[in-house]
Protein backbone atom coordinates (compact mmCIF):
# COMPACT_ATOMS: atom_id res chain seq x y z
CA MET A 1 -69.19 -224.22 -67.12
CA THR A 2 -67.80 -222.19 -64.89
CA GLN A 3 -70.26 -220.73 -62.02
CA ILE A 4 -70.45 -216.72 -61.29
CA ASN A 5 -69.39 -216.40 -57.43
CA ARG A 6 -67.77 -213.56 -55.19
CA TYR A 7 -64.36 -214.81 -55.83
CA ASN A 8 -64.41 -214.63 -59.98
CA ILE A 9 -67.17 -211.65 -60.35
CA ASP A 10 -64.10 -209.01 -60.77
CA GLN A 11 -62.25 -211.20 -63.06
CA LEU A 12 -65.68 -211.77 -65.36
CA LEU A 13 -66.43 -207.59 -65.15
CA ASP A 14 -62.92 -206.54 -65.69
CA SER A 15 -62.66 -209.05 -69.01
CA GLY A 16 -66.39 -208.39 -70.41
CA LYS A 17 -67.41 -211.78 -70.15
CA LEU A 18 -70.67 -211.23 -68.03
CA GLU A 19 -73.87 -210.67 -69.36
CA VAL A 20 -77.42 -210.21 -68.91
CA ALA A 21 -80.86 -211.01 -70.38
CA MET A 22 -82.97 -208.10 -71.94
CA LYS A 23 -86.66 -208.62 -72.42
CA ASN A 24 -86.51 -209.05 -76.11
CA GLY A 25 -84.48 -212.32 -76.10
CA ARG A 26 -80.51 -210.76 -76.92
CA TRP A 27 -77.76 -210.45 -74.16
CA TRP A 28 -75.62 -207.26 -73.28
CA GLN A 29 -72.75 -206.92 -71.91
CA LEU A 30 -72.26 -206.00 -68.12
CA ARG A 31 -69.65 -203.53 -67.45
CA ARG A 32 -68.55 -202.17 -63.85
CA ASN A 33 -69.99 -199.07 -62.56
CA GLY A 34 -68.27 -199.06 -59.28
CA ALA A 35 -66.10 -200.62 -56.83
CA THR A 36 -67.37 -203.88 -55.49
CA LYS A 37 -68.74 -203.52 -51.72
CA THR A 38 -67.76 -205.93 -49.37
CA TRP A 39 -68.67 -206.27 -45.90
CA LYS A 40 -65.88 -207.34 -43.07
CA THR A 41 -68.78 -208.56 -40.71
CA ASP A 42 -70.06 -210.93 -43.64
CA PRO A 43 -67.24 -212.22 -45.99
CA GLU A 44 -69.94 -213.55 -47.97
CA ARG A 45 -71.74 -210.62 -48.65
CA ILE A 46 -70.82 -208.42 -51.61
CA ARG A 47 -72.45 -205.88 -54.27
CA VAL A 48 -71.42 -204.74 -57.27
CA PRO A 49 -73.13 -201.89 -59.15
CA VAL A 50 -72.91 -202.45 -62.88
CA LYS A 51 -73.97 -200.52 -66.13
CA MET A 52 -75.18 -201.98 -69.89
CA GLY A 53 -75.78 -200.31 -72.50
CA MET A 54 -75.92 -196.89 -72.69
CA TYR A 55 -79.02 -196.19 -69.72
CA GLY A 56 -79.17 -198.96 -68.20
CA TYR A 57 -77.93 -199.46 -64.44
CA ASP A 58 -78.33 -202.07 -62.37
CA VAL A 59 -76.63 -204.33 -59.54
CA ILE A 60 -75.35 -207.54 -58.27
CA ALA A 61 -75.80 -208.81 -55.48
CA THR A 62 -75.37 -212.13 -53.07
CA TYR A 63 -78.54 -210.99 -50.69
CA SER A 64 -82.14 -209.18 -52.11
CA GLN A 65 -81.67 -206.45 -49.08
CA ASP A 66 -78.29 -205.05 -51.37
CA LEU A 67 -80.12 -204.76 -54.50
CA GLY A 68 -81.92 -201.18 -54.00
CA PRO A 69 -85.39 -200.11 -54.76
CA LYS A 70 -84.77 -200.93 -58.76
CA GLY A 71 -84.44 -204.16 -58.09
CA GLY A 72 -80.94 -205.96 -59.63
CA HIS A 73 -79.47 -209.54 -59.43
CA LEU A 74 -78.43 -212.16 -57.50
CA LEU A 75 -75.25 -213.95 -58.28
CA ASN A 76 -77.66 -217.06 -58.82
CA SER A 77 -79.90 -215.04 -61.39
CA PRO A 78 -80.75 -217.03 -64.54
CA TYR A 79 -80.62 -213.84 -66.07
CA ILE A 80 -76.77 -213.35 -65.71
CA ARG A 81 -74.43 -215.47 -68.05
CA ILE A 82 -70.43 -216.26 -68.64
CA ARG A 83 -70.48 -214.95 -72.37
CA GLU A 84 -68.99 -218.28 -74.05
CA GLY A 85 -65.99 -217.77 -76.37
């Protein structure tokens, strides 16, 4: 299975293949909610705003300091997966 990393996250989001786990056990599709932020001084660092459903907003980042006050998910989070099929 393909791992989610900073090199393929844009392609996975744009193709609608990323999903996030909800509390009820279902998986919702993630959609892009802005541009992927990158840093010149740290090429491994990214931050991608995403949304799910009608009112859900979140962030996917490589470092915990980029997640924001309401939290978010790191790239290696078990709550984010690539949709199969």
